[in-house]
């Protein structure tokens, strides 16, 4: 049955399915890189409403733009998902166990969370992978969002990095983008020109609300962040997996870097965004739910 959905010499895939139903269909050790950005268990519903500007030739729009031109604000669809689970860890643990099974011997898992759950996740992954398989905790720091007055504003996410085999994992930091030195006067001109290798603290802005990269999906992650992960922990032609795919950033980046990918999400708005974003770069399949009485993938 798995062969009808995925094959190592097959197409890139976007799968509309419950990942708990789909992941067991995949063979052991199929993926060099797994990146997952699950719901953060914030206890609130996440929402983002798309807006766009339309030129008003009569000059009576509700916004004024470049050179005094008038525009109407058009509100689009509201994407949302329920980011609260009564038992978050009974939800996440079996999926992380599947991630361990699906990693190749030289593979790496990147688990993207925030301060609410990352310490629990670290203990869980130590148990699943083994403490010697912990590679890094990456801090992604950004400059947008929280404006707290009674505490330090929260401006970072946490990404836990675990390898399947600490003696064999693939990692190539020569492939990643370099950063400017924070004190360029203290290094040689040649080093300033080359830039420095990233550390475990990554300064990178969020997806711009007005930028070309924006899809309108509420938890979209920037391509620059995922590009660094894919470049360092996979090779051209390797398979990459994201089973909380959301807007499909992993697929978009993997495709541009010559990797192959499988993106899975159960949310119809996420699949709609990925169809628009990834287009002909992937085959789109839907896995019938248990209620529908079958687990056969159907081409969309």
C-alpha atoms as a PDB file:
ATOM      1  CA  UNK A   1       0.000   0.000   0.000  1.00  0.00           C
ATOM      2  CA  UNK A   2       2.880   2.387   0.768  1.00  0.00           C
ATOM      3  CA  UNK A   3       4.237   1.896  -2.758  1.00  0.00           C
ATOM      4  CA  UNK A   4       1.036   3.426  -4.116  1.00  0.00           C
ATOM      5  CA  UNK A   5       1.750   6.608  -2.160  1.00  0.00           C
ATOM      6  CA  UNK A   6       5.552   7.027  -2.040  1.00  0.00           C
ATOM      7  CA  UNK A   7       8.545   5.433  -3.719  1.00  0.00           C
ATOM      8  CA  UNK A   8      12.241   6.331  -3.369  1.00  0.00           C
ATOM      9  CA  UNK A   9      12.479   6.928  -7.120  1.00  0.00           C
ATOM     10  CA  UNK A  10       9.090   8.658  -7.307  1.00  0.00           C
ATOM     11  CA  UNK A  11       7.816  12.220  -7.375  1.00  0.00           C
ATOM     12  CA  UNK A  12       7.905  14.851  -4.694  1.00  0.00           C
ATOM     13  CA  UNK A  13       4.670  14.568  -2.731  1.00  0.00           C
ATOM     14  CA  UNK A  14       2.202  16.766  -0.914  1.00  0.00           C
ATOM     15  CA  UNK A  15      -0.102  14.474   1.063  1.00  0.00           C
ATOM     16  CA  UNK A  16      -3.450  15.568   2.457  1.00  0.00           C
ATOM     17  CA  UNK A  17      -3.767  13.224   5.419  1.00  0.00           C
ATOM     18  CA  UNK A  18      -3.606  12.779   9.157  1.00  0.00           C
ATOM     19  CA  UNK A  19       0.115  12.208   9.673  1.00  0.00           C
ATOM     20  CA  UNK A  20      -0.596   9.531  12.299  1.00  0.00           C
ATOM     21  CA  UNK A  21      -2.365   7.564   9.567  1.00  0.00           C
ATOM     22  CA  UNK A  22       0.136   8.241   6.785  1.00  0.00           C
ATOM     23  CA  UNK A  23       3.553   7.902   8.460  1.00  0.00           C
ATOM     24  CA  UNK A  24       3.206   4.157   9.235  1.00  0.00           C
ATOM     25  CA  UNK A  25       2.848   3.542   5.482  1.00  0.00           C
ATOM     26  CA  UNK A  26       6.398   4.771   4.845  1.00  0.00           C
ATOM     27  CA  UNK A  27       9.449   2.466   5.012  1.00  0.00           C
ATOM     28  CA  UNK A  28      12.147   2.587   7.673  1.00  0.00           C
ATOM     29  CA  UNK A  29      15.088   4.905   7.061  1.00  0.00           C
ATOM     30  CA  UNK A  30      13.604   6.668   4.038  1.00  0.00           C
ATOM     31  CA  UNK A  31      14.577  10.266   4.902  1.00  0.00           C
ATOM     32  CA  UNK A  32      17.879  12.035   5.446  1.00  0.00           C
ATOM     33  CA  UNK A  33      16.201  15.096   6.936  1.00  0.00           C
ATOM     34  CA  UNK A  34      12.983  15.504   8.898  1.00  0.00           C
ATOM     35  CA  UNK A  35      11.866  18.996   9.882  1.00  0.00           C
ATOM     36  CA  UNK A  36       8.666  19.361  11.882  1.00  0.00           C
ATOM     37  CA  UNK A  37       6.977  22.490  13.132  1.00  0.00           C
ATOM     38  CA  UNK A  38       4.039  21.127  15.155  1.00  0.00           C
ATOM     39  CA  UNK A  39       1.395  23.253  16.878  1.00  0.00           C
ATOM     40  CA  UNK A  40       3.031  24.952  19.866  1.00  0.00           C
ATOM     41  CA  UNK A  41       0.223  24.207  22.357  1.00  0.00           C
ATOM     42  CA  UNK A  42      -0.317  27.869  23.117  1.00  0.00           C
ATOM     43  CA  UNK A  43      -3.902  27.256  24.197  1.00  0.00           C
ATOM     44  CA  UNK A  44      -5.366  29.746  21.751  1.00  0.00           C
ATOM     45  CA  UNK A  45      -6.660  29.683  18.212  1.00  0.00           C
ATOM     46  CA  UNK A  46      -4.177  31.044  15.667  1.00  0.00           C
ATOM     47  CA  UNK A  47      -5.663  33.239  12.964  1.00  0.00           C
ATOM     48  CA  UNK A  48      -4.398  35.284  10.058  1.00  0.00           C
ATOM     49  CA  UNK A  49      -6.568  37.181   7.627  1.00  0.00           C
ATOM     50  CA  UNK A  50      -5.271  37.837   4.125  1.00  0.00           C
ATOM     51  CA  UNK A  51      -5.592  41.364   2.773  1.00  0.00           C
ATOM     52  CA  UNK A  52      -4.710  42.863  -0.573  1.00  0.00           C
ATOM     53  CA  UNK A  53      -4.763  46.323  -2.094  1.00  0.00           C
ATOM     54  CA  UNK A  54      -6.726  47.086  -5.287  1.00  0.00           C
ATOM     55  CA  UNK A  55      -6.210  50.317  -7.219  1.00  0.00           C
ATOM     56  CA  UNK A  56      -9.193  52.695  -7.046  1.00  0.00           C
ATOM     57  CA  UNK A  57      -9.272  54.719 -10.258  1.00  0.00           C
ATOM     58  CA  UNK A  58     -11.811  57.138  -8.789  1.00  0.00           C
ATOM     59  CA  UNK A  59      -9.494  58.184  -5.993  1.00  0.00           C
ATOM     60  CA  UNK A  60     -11.960  57.182  -3.270  1.00  0.00           C
ATOM     61  CA  UNK A  61     -10.129  54.224  -1.759  1.00  0.00           C
ATOM     62  CA  UNK A  62      -9.509  53.770   1.963  1.00  0.00           C
ATOM     63  CA  UNK A  63      -5.710  53.867   1.609  1.00  0.00           C
ATOM     64  CA  UNK A  64      -3.238  56.171  -0.080  1.00  0.00           C
ATOM     65  CA  UNK A  65      -0.138  54.632  -1.609  1.00  0.00           C
ATOM     66  CA  UNK A  66       2.843  55.556  -3.757  1.00  0.00           C
ATOM     67  CA  UNK A  67       2.544  59.001  -5.426  1.00  0.00           C
ATOM     68  CA  UNK A  68      -0.824  59.582  -3.790  1.00  0.00           C
ATOM     69  CA  UNK A  69      -2.595  56.749  -5.611  1.00  0.00           C
ATOM     70  CA  UNK A  70      -5.808  55.523  -4.005  1.00  0.00           C
ATOM     71  CA  UNK A  71      -6.404  51.868  -3.065  1.00  0.00           C
ATOM     72  CA  UNK A  72      -9.231  49.772  -1.631  1.00  0.00           C
ATOM     73  CA  UNK A  73      -8.411  47.229   1.086  1.00  0.00           C
ATOM     74  CA  UNK A  74      -9.891  43.830   0.193  1.00  0.00           C
ATOM     75  CA  UNK A  75     -10.129  41.312   3.015  1.00  0.00           C
ATOM     76  CA  UNK A  76      -9.597  37.688   2.065  1.00  0.00           C
ATOM     77  CA  UNK A  77     -10.045  34.318   3.723  1.00  0.00           C
ATOM     78  CA  UNK A  78      -9.246  33.772   7.381  1.00  0.00           C
ATOM     79  CA  UNK A  79      -6.951  30.812   8.044  1.00  0.00           C
ATOM     80  CA  UNK A  80      -7.131  29.316  11.513  1.00  0.00           C
ATOM     81  CA  UNK A  81      -6.320  26.197  13.481  1.00  0.00           C
ATOM     82  CA  UNK A  82      -6.874  25.077  17.033  1.00  0.00           C
ATOM     83  CA  UNK A  83      -3.532  25.284  18.856  1.00  0.00           C
ATOM     84  CA  UNK A  84      -4.637  23.562  22.064  1.00  0.00           C
ATOM     85  CA  UNK A  85      -4.644  19.898  22.998  1.00  0.00           C
ATOM     86  CA  UNK A  86      -5.935  18.382  26.223  1.00  0.00           C
ATOM     87  CA  UNK A  87      -2.986  15.992  26.235  1.00  0.00           C
ATOM     88  CA  UNK A  88      -0.308  17.488  24.013  1.00  0.00           C
ATOM     89  CA  UNK A  89       2.332  14.839  24.620  1.00  0.00           C
ATOM     90  CA  UNK A  90       0.122  11.856  23.879  1.00  0.00           C
ATOM     91  CA  UNK A  91      -0.460  13.645  20.574  1.00  0.00           C
ATOM     92  CA  UNK A  92       3.186  14.373  19.774  1.00  0.00           C
ATOM     93  CA  UNK A  93       5.097  11.368  21.160  1.00  0.00           C
ATOM     94  CA  UNK A  94       3.878   8.712  18.675  1.00  0.00           C
ATOM     95  CA  UNK A  95       4.691  11.053  15.805  1.00  0.00           C
ATOM     96  CA  UNK A  96       8.238  11.584  17.094  1.00  0.00           C
ATOM     97  CA  UNK A  97       8.645   7.826  17.433  1.00  0.00           C
ATOM     98  CA  UNK A  98       7.702   7.574  13.754  1.00  0.00           C
ATOM     99  CA  UNK A  99      10.246  10.290  12.945  1.00  0.00           C
ATOM    100  CA  UNK A 100      13.007   8.215  14.572  1.00  0.00           C
ATOM    101  CA  UNK A 101      11.956   5.143  12.555  1.00  0.00           C
ATOM    102  CA  UNK A 102      11.822   7.060   9.283  1.00  0.00           C
ATOM    103  CA  UNK A 103      15.262   8.670   9.600  1.00  0.00           C
ATOM    104  CA  UNK A 104      18.135   7.161   7.635  1.00  0.00           C
ATOM    105  CA  UNK A 105      21.205   6.135   9.609  1.00  0.00           C
ATOM    106  CA  UNK A 106      22.885   9.410   8.581  1.00  0.00           C
ATOM    107  CA  UNK A 107      19.690  11.408   9.137  1.00  0.00           C
ATOM    108  CA  UNK A 108      18.786  14.389  11.305  1.00  0.00           C
ATOM    109  CA  UNK A 109      15.578  15.578  12.974  1.00  0.00           C
ATOM    110  CA  UNK A 110      14.846  19.271  13.514  1.00  0.00           C
ATOM    111  CA  UNK A 111      11.930  19.820  15.933  1.00  0.00           C
ATOM    112  CA  UNK A 112      10.691  23.419  15.951  1.00  0.00           C
ATOM    113  CA  UNK A 113       8.903  24.526  19.155  1.00  0.00           C
ATOM    114  CA  UNK A 114       8.952  27.450  21.565  1.00  0.00           C
ATOM    115  CA  UNK A 115       9.582  28.019  25.261  1.00  0.00           C
ATOM    116  CA  UNK A 116       6.261  26.501  26.382  1.00  0.00           C
ATOM    117  CA  UNK A 117       7.103  22.878  25.528  1.00  0.00           C
ATOM    118  CA  UNK A 118      10.742  22.644  24.422  1.00  0.00           C
ATOM    119  CA  UNK A 119      12.065  21.452  27.797  1.00  0.00           C
ATOM    120  CA  UNK A 120       9.561  18.582  27.857  1.00  0.00           C
ATOM    121  CA  UNK A 121      10.412  17.761  24.237  1.00  0.00           C
ATOM    122  CA  UNK A 122      14.113  17.584  25.084  1.00  0.00           C
ATOM    123  CA  UNK A 123      13.467  14.938  27.755  1.00  0.00           C
ATOM    124  CA  UNK A 124      11.189  12.990  25.400  1.00  0.00           C
ATOM    125  CA  UNK A 125      13.681  13.042  22.529  1.00  0.00           C
ATOM    126  CA  UNK A 126      16.495  11.999  24.858  1.00  0.00           C
ATOM    127  CA  UNK A 127      14.407   8.922  25.635  1.00  0.00           C
ATOM    128  CA  UNK A 128      13.514   8.216  21.987  1.00  0.00           C
ATOM    129  CA  UNK A 129      16.885   8.911  20.339  1.00  0.00           C
ATOM    130  CA  UNK A 130      19.322   8.628  23.252  1.00  0.00           C
ATOM    131  CA  UNK A 131      21.109  11.543  24.923  1.00  0.00           C
ATOM    132  CA  UNK A 132      24.216  10.984  22.813  1.00  0.00           C
ATOM    133  CA  UNK A 133      22.139  11.719  19.699  1.00  0.00           C
ATOM    134  CA  UNK A 134      21.387  15.293  20.774  1.00  0.00           C
ATOM    135  CA  UNK A 135      23.306  17.624  18.455  1.00  0.00           C
ATOM    136  CA  UNK A 136      22.123  21.171  19.152  1.00  0.00           C
ATOM    137  CA  UNK A 137      19.431  23.452  20.437  1.00  0.00           C
ATOM    138  CA  UNK A 138      19.128  26.272  17.921  1.00  0.00           C
ATOM    139  CA  UNK A 139      17.680  29.591  19.035  1.00  0.00           C
ATOM    140  CA  UNK A 140      15.890  31.438  16.250  1.00  0.00           C
ATOM    141  CA  UNK A 141      15.748  35.077  17.314  1.00  0.00           C
ATOM    142  CA  UNK A 142      13.579  37.572  15.448  1.00  0.00           C
ATOM    143  CA  UNK A 143      12.558  41.194  15.772  1.00  0.00           C
ATOM    144  CA  UNK A 144       8.776  41.197  15.446  1.00  0.00           C
ATOM    145  CA  UNK A 145       5.831  40.335  17.654  1.00  0.00           C
ATOM    146  CA  UNK A 146       5.471  40.335  21.440  1.00  0.00           C
ATOM    147  CA  UNK A 147       5.320  43.697  23.231  1.00  0.00           C
ATOM    148  CA  UNK A 148       5.156  42.720  26.910  1.00  0.00           C
ATOM    149  CA  UNK A 149       5.576  45.398  29.598  1.00  0.00           C
ATOM    150  CA  UNK A 150       5.639  43.203  32.691  1.00  0.00           C
ATOM    151  CA  UNK A 151       8.352  40.779  31.493  1.00  0.00           C
ATOM    152  CA  UNK A 152      11.047  40.466  28.823  1.00  0.00           C
ATOM    153  CA  UNK A 153       9.211  40.174  25.472  1.00  0.00           C
ATOM    154  CA  UNK A 154       9.455  36.709  23.905  1.00  0.00           C
ATOM    155  CA  UNK A 155      11.321  37.020  20.609  1.00  0.00           C
ATOM    156  CA  UNK A 156      12.656  33.552  19.836  1.00  0.00           C
ATOM    157  CA  UNK A 157      11.757  29.975  18.960  1.00  0.00           C
ATOM    158  CA  UNK A 158      13.670  26.811  19.865  1.00  0.00           C
ATOM    159  CA  UNK A 159      14.738  24.116  17.389  1.00  0.00           C
ATOM    160  CA  UNK A 160      15.985  20.821  18.825  1.00  0.00           C
ATOM    161  CA  UNK A 161      18.372  18.880  16.592  1.00  0.00           C
ATOM    162  CA  UNK A 162      18.817  15.110  17.005  1.00  0.00           C
ATOM    163  CA  UNK A 163      20.702  12.644  14.817  1.00  0.00           C
ATOM    164  CA  UNK A 164      19.900   8.990  14.218  1.00  0.00           C
ATOM    165  CA  UNK A 165      23.513   7.844  14.560  1.00  0.00           C
ATOM    166  CA  UNK A 166      26.058  10.193  16.211  1.00  0.00           C
ATOM    167  CA  UNK A 167      28.888   8.427  14.380  1.00  0.00           C
ATOM    168  CA  UNK A 168      27.407   8.744  10.866  1.00  0.00           C
ATOM    169  CA  UNK A 169      25.148  11.789  10.538  1.00  0.00           C
ATOM    170  CA  UNK A 170      25.520  14.125   7.570  1.00  0.00           C
ATOM    171  CA  UNK A 171      26.418  17.745   8.346  1.00  0.00           C
ATOM    172  CA  UNK A 172      28.074  20.188   5.950  1.00  0.00           C
ATOM    173  CA  UNK A 173      28.339  23.729   7.255  1.00  0.00           C
ATOM    174  CA  UNK A 174      30.274  24.776   4.154  1.00  0.00           C
ATOM    175  CA  UNK A 175      26.950  24.671   2.284  1.00  0.00           C
ATOM    176  CA  UNK A 176      25.126  27.199   4.475  1.00  0.00           C
ATOM    177  CA  UNK A 177      24.930  30.952   4.097  1.00  0.00           C
ATOM    178  CA  UNK A 178      27.419  32.992   6.097  1.00  0.00           C
ATOM    179  CA  UNK A 179      26.686  35.951   8.375  1.00  0.00           C
ATOM    180  CA  UNK A 180      28.351  39.345   8.832  1.00  0.00           C
ATOM    181  CA  UNK A 181      30.751  39.632  11.748  1.00  0.00           C
ATOM    182  CA  UNK A 182      29.263  41.606  14.640  1.00  0.00           C
ATOM    183  CA  UNK A 183      32.651  43.272  15.192  1.00  0.00           C
ATOM    184  CA  UNK A 184      34.080  43.442  11.650  1.00  0.00           C
ATOM    185  CA  UNK A 185      36.953  45.658  12.757  1.00  0.00           C
ATOM    186  CA  UNK A 186      38.412  42.788  14.757  1.00  0.00           C
ATOM    187  CA  UNK A 187      38.933  40.469  11.772  1.00  0.00           C
ATOM    188  CA  UNK A 188      40.909  40.636   8.576  1.00  0.00           C
ATOM    189  CA  UNK A 189      39.406  42.117   5.380  1.00  0.00           C
ATOM    190  CA  UNK A 190      39.364  38.630   3.854  1.00  0.00           C
ATOM    191  CA  UNK A 191      37.325  37.280   6.764  1.00  0.00           C
ATOM    192  CA  UNK A 192      34.982  40.255   6.638  1.00  0.00           C
ATOM    193  CA  UNK A 193      34.360  39.594   2.969  1.00  0.00           C
ATOM    194  CA  UNK A 194      33.701  35.881   3.527  1.00  0.00           C
ATOM    195  CA  UNK A 195      31.544  36.290   6.638  1.00  0.00           C
ATOM    196  CA  UNK A 196      31.341  33.910   9.579  1.00  0.00           C
ATOM    197  CA  UNK A 197      29.687  30.542   9.934  1.00  0.00           C
ATOM    198  CA  UNK A 198      26.416  30.607  11.888  1.00  0.00           C
ATOM    199  CA  UNK A 199      26.404  29.513  15.517  1.00  0.00           C
ATOM    200  CA  UNK A 200      23.461  27.977  17.381  1.00  0.00           C
ATOM    201  CA  UNK A 201      21.790  31.411  17.607  1.00  0.00           C
ATOM    202  CA  UNK A 202      20.199  32.453  14.312  1.00  0.00           C
ATOM    203  CA  UNK A 203      19.091  36.034  13.818  1.00  0.00           C
ATOM    204  CA  UNK A 204      16.520  36.038  11.031  1.00  0.00           C
ATOM    205  CA  UNK A 205      13.403  38.108  10.556  1.00  0.00           C
ATOM    206  CA  UNK A 206       9.964  36.546  10.231  1.00  0.00           C
ATOM    207  CA  UNK A 207       8.168  36.359   6.885  1.00  0.00           C
ATOM    208  CA  UNK A 208       7.412  39.936   5.887  1.00  0.00           C
ATOM    209  CA  UNK A 209       3.664  40.674   5.980  1.00  0.00           C
ATOM    210  CA  UNK A 210       4.083  42.527   2.684  1.00  0.00           C
ATOM    211  CA  UNK A 211       6.872  40.476   1.073  1.00  0.00           C
ATOM    212  CA  UNK A 212       6.727  38.202  -1.967  1.00  0.00           C
ATOM    213  CA  UNK A 213       7.324  35.138   0.206  1.00  0.00           C
ATOM    214  CA  UNK A 214       4.092  35.603   2.167  1.00  0.00           C
ATOM    215  CA  UNK A 215       1.387  32.988   1.584  1.00  0.00           C
ATOM    216  CA  UNK A 216      -1.103  34.121   4.229  1.00  0.00           C
ATOM    217  CA  UNK A 217      -0.699  30.936   6.278  1.00  0.00           C
ATOM    218  CA  UNK A 218      -0.611  31.877   9.996  1.00  0.00           C
ATOM    219  CA  UNK A 219       2.546  29.986  11.043  1.00  0.00           C
ATOM    220  CA  UNK A 220       4.608  30.273   7.858  1.00  0.00           C
ATOM    221  CA  UNK A 221       8.356  30.107   8.501  1.00  0.00           C
ATOM    222  CA  UNK A 222      10.875  32.071   6.393  1.00  0.00           C
ATOM    223  CA  UNK A 223      12.687  30.261   3.608  1.00  0.00           C
ATOM    224  CA  UNK A 224      16.043  31.568   4.812  1.00  0.00           C
ATOM    225  CA  UNK A 225      15.644  29.707   8.091  1.00  0.00           C
ATOM    226  CA  UNK A 226      14.707  26.392   6.462  1.00  0.00           C
ATOM    227  CA  UNK A 227      17.339  26.795   3.729  1.00  0.00           C
ATOM    228  CA  UNK A 228      20.090  26.680   6.328  1.00  0.00           C
ATOM    229  CA  UNK A 229      18.668  23.449   7.775  1.00  0.00           C
ATOM    230  CA  UNK A 230      18.246  21.735   4.408  1.00  0.00           C
ATOM    231  CA  UNK A 231      21.663  22.820   3.115  1.00  0.00           C
ATOM    232  CA  UNK A 232      23.548  21.630   6.184  1.00  0.00           C
ATOM    233  CA  UNK A 233      21.779  18.330   6.869  1.00  0.00           C
ATOM    234  CA  UNK A 234      20.981  16.888   3.443  1.00  0.00           C
ATOM    235  CA  UNK A 235      22.600  16.422   0.037  1.00  0.00           C
ATOM    236  CA  UNK A 236      21.207  16.974  -3.455  1.00  0.00           C
ATOM    237  CA  UNK A 237      18.860  14.101  -4.243  1.00  0.00           C
ATOM    238  CA  UNK A 238      18.181  13.234  -0.583  1.00  0.00           C
ATOM    239  CA  UNK A 239      14.615  12.874   0.674  1.00  0.00           C
ATOM    240  CA  UNK A 240      13.304  15.433   3.184  1.00  0.00           C
ATOM    241  CA  UNK A 241      10.073  15.124   5.194  1.00  0.00           C
ATOM    242  CA  UNK A 242       7.797  17.604   6.954  1.00  0.00           C
ATOM    243  CA  UNK A 243       4.659  16.050   8.425  1.00  0.00           C
ATOM    244  CA  UNK A 244       3.266  19.291   9.861  1.00  0.00           C
ATOM    245  CA  UNK A 245       3.871  21.018   6.552  1.00  0.00           C
ATOM    246  CA  UNK A 246       1.609  24.070   6.870  1.00  0.00           C
ATOM    247  CA  UNK A 247       2.467  26.472   4.066  1.00  0.00           C
ATOM    248  CA  UNK A 248       5.037  24.070   2.545  1.00  0.00           C
ATOM    249  CA  UNK A 249       8.239  26.027   3.186  1.00  0.00           C
ATOM    250  CA  UNK A 250      10.261  22.812   3.542  1.00  0.00           C
ATOM    251  CA  UNK A 251       9.052  21.660   0.120  1.00  0.00           C
ATOM    252  CA  UNK A 252       9.708  25.041  -1.487  1.00  0.00           C
ATOM    253  CA  UNK A 253      13.279  25.175  -0.160  1.00  0.00           C
ATOM    254  CA  UNK A 254      14.076  21.511  -0.805  1.00  0.00           C
ATOM    255  CA  UNK A 255      12.926  21.835  -4.410  1.00  0.00           C
ATOM    256  CA  UNK A 256      15.127  24.881  -4.994  1.00  0.00           C
ATOM    257  CA  UNK A 257      18.167  23.089  -3.519  1.00  0.00           C
ATOM    258  CA  UNK A 258      17.732  19.912  -5.554  1.00  0.00           C
ATOM    259  CA  UNK A 259      16.410  17.754  -2.724  1.00  0.00           C
ATOM    260  CA  UNK A 260      13.285  15.601  -2.881  1.00  0.00           C
ATOM    261  CA  UNK A 261      10.466  16.082  -0.415  1.00  0.00           C
ATOM    262  CA  UNK A 262       7.288  14.800   1.159  1.00  0.00           C
ATOM    263  CA  UNK A 263       5.013  17.336   2.854  1.00  0.00           C
ATOM    264  CA  UNK A 264       2.035  16.126   4.905  1.00  0.00           C
ATOM    265  CA  UNK A 265      -0.815  18.119   6.420  1.00  0.00           C
ATOM    266  CA  UNK A 266      -4.388  17.333   7.435  1.00  0.00           C
ATOM    267  CA  UNK A 267      -5.559  20.927   7.108  1.00  0.00           C
ATOM    268  CA  UNK A 268      -7.342  21.742   3.835  1.00  0.00           C
ATOM    269  CA  UNK A 269      -6.246  25.423   3.853  1.00  0.00           C
ATOM    270  CA  UNK A 270      -2.620  24.254   4.189  1.00  0.00           C
ATOM    271  CA  UNK A 271      -2.997  21.933   1.198  1.00  0.00           C
ATOM    272  CA  UNK A 272      -4.594  24.762  -0.794  1.00  0.00           C
ATOM    273  CA  UNK A 273      -1.619  27.026  -0.015  1.00  0.00           C
ATOM    274  CA  UNK A 274       0.864  24.292  -0.992  1.00  0.00           C
ATOM    275  CA  UNK A 275      -0.936  23.602  -4.266  1.00  0.00           C
ATOM    276  CA  UNK A 276      -0.581  27.267  -5.170  1.00  0.00           C
ATOM    277  CA  UNK A 277       3.000  27.528  -3.899  1.00  0.00           C
ATOM    278  CA  UNK A 278       4.508  24.273  -5.167  1.00  0.00           C
ATOM    279  CA  UNK A 279       2.414  23.761  -8.300  1.00  0.00           C
ATOM    280  CA  UNK A 280       3.965  21.262 -10.689  1.00  0.00           C
ATOM    281  CA  UNK A 281       6.951  20.597  -8.417  1.00  0.00           C
ATOM    282  CA  UNK A 282       5.012  17.881  -6.561  1.00  0.00           C
ATOM    283  CA  UNK A 283       2.247  15.334  -6.965  1.00  0.00           C
ATOM    284  CA  UNK A 284      -0.736  15.968  -4.700  1.00  0.00           C
ATOM    285  CA  UNK A 285      -2.468  13.003  -3.095  1.00  0.00           C
ATOM    286  CA  UNK A 286      -5.211  12.611  -0.553  1.00  0.00           C
ATOM    287  CA  UNK A 287      -5.311   9.707   1.861  1.00  0.00           C
ATOM    288  CA  UNK A 288      -8.834   8.557   2.614  1.00  0.00           C
ATOM    289  CA  UNK A 289      -9.721   8.763   6.299  1.00  0.00           C
ATOM    290  CA  UNK A 290     -10.562   5.748   8.423  1.00  0.00           C
ATOM    291  CA  UNK A 291     -14.185   6.905   8.425  1.00  0.00           C
ATOM    292  CA  UNK A 292     -14.189   6.662   4.641  1.00  0.00           C
ATOM    293  CA  UNK A 293     -13.266   3.011   4.989  1.00  0.00           C
ATOM    294  CA  UNK A 294     -10.050   2.988   2.945  1.00  0.00           C
ATOM    295  CA  UNK A 295      -6.416   4.018   3.104  1.00  0.00           C
ATOM    296  CA  UNK A 296      -5.848   4.306  -0.615  1.00  0.00           C
ATOM    297  CA  UNK A 297      -4.278   7.502  -1.942  1.00  0.00           C
ATOM    298  CA  UNK A 298      -6.195   9.318  -4.648  1.00  0.00           C
ATOM    299  CA  UNK A 299      -4.636  11.846  -7.011  1.00  0.00           C
ATOM    300  CA  UNK A 300      -6.082  15.304  -6.547  1.00  0.00           C
END
